[in-house]
Amino acid sequence: MNKHFLFFIIFFIVTQVMAESGQYSNIAPSLQKAIQAYGYKCDKVDLDSIVPFSWSGKSGYHIYCNEYQYGYEVEDKGGKIVVTVK
């Protein structure tokens, strides 16, 4: 099996377990406020959807709100928080 593929599978499983265990629930309010500050809708964060960026070298999170209705990326770009719609 390809080592990169195996690493991806392990990483995916670990991040899903962390997300489902509420590992990222402590940052959910901050992510929600950043999304709302950009004028986007996020009434309720889907806690199991918060996944940190991987491999890309970027610093931030993928996140969904309102029962997976809205998807966002919240990223730290040079010390500035940037929110983009997925």
Protein backbone atom coordinates (compact mmCIF):
# COMPACT_ATOMS: atom_id res chain seq x y z
CA MET A 1 0.00 0.00 0.00
CA ASN A 2 1.25 3.49 -0.81
CA LYS A 3 2.74 5.17 2.31
CA HIS A 4 1.08 8.50 1.53
CA PHE A 5 -2.31 6.86 1.17
CA LEU A 6 -1.86 4.99 4.44
CA PHE A 7 -0.83 8.21 6.19
CA PHE A 8 -3.92 9.96 4.80
CA ILE A 9 -6.22 7.20 6.06
CA ILE A 10 -4.67 7.27 9.54
CA PHE A 11 -4.80 11.07 9.67
CA PHE A 12 -8.44 11.06 8.56
CA ILE A 13 -9.43 8.54 11.22
CA VAL A 14 -7.59 10.41 13.98
CA THR A 15 -9.13 13.78 13.07
CA GLN A 16 -12.61 12.25 12.88
CA VAL A 17 -12.20 10.68 16.32
CA MET A 18 -10.97 14.01 17.72
CA ALA A 19 -13.86 15.88 16.11
CA GLU A 20 -16.47 13.42 17.35
CA SER A 21 -15.04 13.52 20.86
CA GLY A 22 -15.53 17.29 20.98
CA GLN A 23 -11.79 17.94 20.88
CA TYR A 24 -12.34 21.21 19.04
CA SER A 25 -15.40 22.38 20.98
CA ASN A 26 -13.25 24.88 22.88
CA ILE A 27 -12.44 26.82 19.69
CA ALA A 28 -15.93 26.64 18.18
CA PRO A 29 -17.11 29.98 19.67
CA SER A 30 -14.05 31.80 18.29
CA LEU A 31 -14.49 30.27 14.85
CA GLN A 32 -18.19 31.16 14.89
CA LYS A 33 -17.44 34.78 15.82
CA ALA A 34 -14.85 35.06 13.04
CA ILE A 35 -17.38 33.74 10.49
CA GLN A 36 -20.07 36.12 11.70
CA ALA A 37 -17.62 39.06 11.71
CA TYR A 38 -17.21 38.49 7.96
CA GLY A 39 -20.98 38.78 7.59
CA TYR A 40 -21.64 35.09 7.00
CA LYS A 41 -24.38 33.03 8.64
CA CYS A 42 -23.40 30.63 11.41
CA ASP A 43 -26.08 30.27 14.07
CA LYS A 44 -24.80 26.91 15.32
CA VAL A 45 -21.42 25.29 14.75
CA ASP A 46 -21.51 21.60 13.80
CA LEU A 47 -18.87 20.48 16.30
CA ASP A 48 -18.09 17.24 14.52
CA SER A 49 -17.23 19.18 11.36
CA ILE A 50 -14.27 21.15 12.73
CA VAL A 51 -11.15 19.79 11.07
CA PRO A 52 -7.74 21.48 11.05
CA PHE A 53 -6.00 22.08 7.75
CA SER A 54 -3.52 19.36 6.90
CA TRP A 55 -0.46 18.97 4.67
CA SER A 56 -1.03 22.28 2.87
CA GLY A 57 1.12 24.26 5.27
CA LYS A 58 -1.80 26.58 5.98
CA SER A 59 -2.95 27.33 9.51
CA GLY A 60 -6.69 27.11 10.07
CA TYR A 61 -9.83 24.98 10.09
CA HIS A 62 -12.58 23.64 7.89
CA ILE A 63 -15.93 24.15 9.60
CA TYR A 64 -19.64 23.73 8.90
CA CYS A 65 -22.59 25.55 10.47
CA ASN A 66 -26.35 25.13 10.74
CA GLU A 67 -26.53 21.37 10.25
CA TYR A 68 -23.96 21.36 7.43
CA GLN A 69 -25.84 24.00 5.48
CA TYR A 70 -22.87 26.38 5.31
CA GLY A 71 -19.20 25.48 4.95
CA TYR A 72 -16.25 27.75 5.65
CA GLU A 73 -12.50 27.85 5.92
CA VAL A 74 -11.10 29.98 8.73
CA GLU A 75 -7.42 30.63 8.13
CA ASP A 76 -4.59 32.57 9.73
CA LYS A 77 -2.80 34.47 6.95
CA GLY A 78 0.13 36.39 8.34
CA GLY A 79 -1.59 37.02 11.66
CA LYS A 80 -4.88 38.08 10.05
CA ILE A 81 -7.94 35.82 10.20
CA VAL A 82 -9.50 35.19 6.79
CA VAL A 83 -12.85 33.45 6.28
CA THR A 84 -13.83 31.97 2.92
CA VAL A 85 -16.94 30.09 1.87
CA LYS A 86 -16.46 26.48 0.82
